[in-house]
């Protein structure tokens, strides 16, 4: 695929822009960095812990993670809760 002559907006958090910018440039495009997303823990950690426990108990069959940031945070919290095996 070629991105020659295309400007591609990247709205990832600042610390996650470089890899995608490099990929766009390697395909001939021009990255337009606009870091509009901020990654931070959820205000309601208890909801996440409940989700992890419900998954571990078999109440939930499938979780659709909308980004690797959410997945990474969920795995971190599950490890802290001693439930990391829930996601293996």
Protein backbone atom coordinates (compact mmCIF):
# COMPACT_ATOMS: atom_id res chain seq x y z
CA UNK A 1 0.00 0.00 0.00
CA UNK A 2 1.25 3.45 -0.80
CA UNK A 3 0.42 6.62 1.08
CA UNK A 4 2.36 8.82 -1.33
CA UNK A 5 0.96 12.33 -1.26
CA UNK A 6 -1.36 11.58 1.67
CA UNK A 7 -1.34 13.30 5.04
CA UNK A 8 -2.44 10.93 7.79
CA UNK A 9 -3.65 12.26 11.14
CA UNK A 10 -2.52 10.34 14.19
CA UNK A 11 -4.59 10.94 17.33
CA UNK A 12 -2.76 8.51 19.63
CA UNK A 13 -1.25 9.63 22.97
CA UNK A 14 2.09 11.45 22.57
CA UNK A 15 4.17 8.49 23.74
CA UNK A 16 2.53 6.22 21.12
CA UNK A 17 2.89 8.41 18.03
CA UNK A 18 6.44 7.69 16.84
CA UNK A 19 6.01 4.09 15.69
CA UNK A 20 2.92 4.92 13.64
CA UNK A 21 4.53 8.09 12.26
CA UNK A 22 7.52 6.04 11.12
CA UNK A 23 5.24 3.48 9.45
CA UNK A 24 3.32 6.20 7.61
CA UNK A 25 6.55 7.78 6.39
CA UNK A 26 7.86 4.39 5.25
CA UNK A 27 4.76 4.10 3.05
CA UNK A 28 5.38 7.54 1.54
CA UNK A 29 2.86 9.47 3.61
CA UNK A 30 3.21 12.48 5.84
CA UNK A 31 2.19 11.98 9.47
CA UNK A 32 0.13 14.73 11.08
CA UNK A 33 0.52 14.31 14.83
CA UNK A 34 -2.51 15.44 16.83
CA UNK A 35 -2.34 13.72 20.23
CA UNK A 36 -6.00 13.95 21.26
CA UNK A 37 -6.13 10.85 23.46
CA UNK A 38 -5.03 10.71 27.07
CA UNK A 39 -4.56 7.30 28.66
CA UNK A 40 -5.29 7.15 32.37
CA UNK A 41 -6.85 4.66 34.77
CA UNK A 42 -10.63 4.55 35.01
CA UNK A 43 -12.16 6.55 37.84
CA UNK A 44 -14.13 3.48 38.90
CA UNK A 45 -11.49 0.79 39.40
CA UNK A 46 -14.04 -1.34 41.26
CA UNK A 47 -16.01 -1.81 38.02
CA UNK A 48 -12.87 -3.09 36.32
CA UNK A 49 -12.06 -5.41 39.21
CA UNK A 50 -15.64 -6.73 39.14
CA UNK A 51 -15.31 -7.33 35.38
CA UNK A 52 -12.07 -9.25 35.93
CA UNK A 53 -13.61 -11.35 38.72
CA UNK A 54 -16.75 -12.05 36.66
CA UNK A 55 -14.54 -13.16 33.78
CA UNK A 56 -12.52 -15.40 36.09
CA UNK A 57 -15.72 -16.97 37.44
CA UNK A 58 -17.02 -17.72 33.95
CA UNK A 59 -19.90 -15.21 33.97
CA UNK A 60 -18.41 -13.42 30.96
CA UNK A 61 -17.47 -15.33 27.81
CA UNK A 62 -15.95 -12.61 25.63
CA UNK A 63 -14.46 -9.17 26.24
CA UNK A 64 -13.97 -6.86 23.26
CA UNK A 65 -10.99 -4.62 24.05
CA UNK A 66 -11.18 -1.42 22.02
CA UNK A 67 -7.47 -0.63 22.29
CA UNK A 68 -4.23 -2.13 23.44
CA UNK A 69 -4.16 0.50 26.19
CA UNK A 70 -7.32 -0.94 27.74
CA UNK A 71 -5.99 -4.47 27.42
CA UNK A 72 -2.66 -3.52 28.99
CA UNK A 73 -4.36 -1.79 31.93
CA UNK A 74 -6.79 -4.68 32.46
CA UNK A 75 -3.95 -7.19 32.52
CA UNK A 76 -2.03 -4.99 34.99
CA UNK A 77 -5.02 -4.73 37.34
CA UNK A 78 -5.75 -8.46 37.04
CA UNK A 79 -2.14 -9.20 38.02
CA UNK A 80 -2.39 -6.85 41.01
CA UNK A 81 -5.59 -8.63 42.06
CA UNK A 82 -3.97 -12.06 41.70
CA UNK A 83 -6.30 -12.93 38.81
CA UNK A 84 -3.92 -12.74 35.85
CA UNK A 85 -4.73 -16.34 34.91
CA UNK A 86 -8.26 -15.15 34.02
CA UNK A 87 -6.94 -13.85 30.69
CA UNK A 88 -4.75 -16.75 29.58
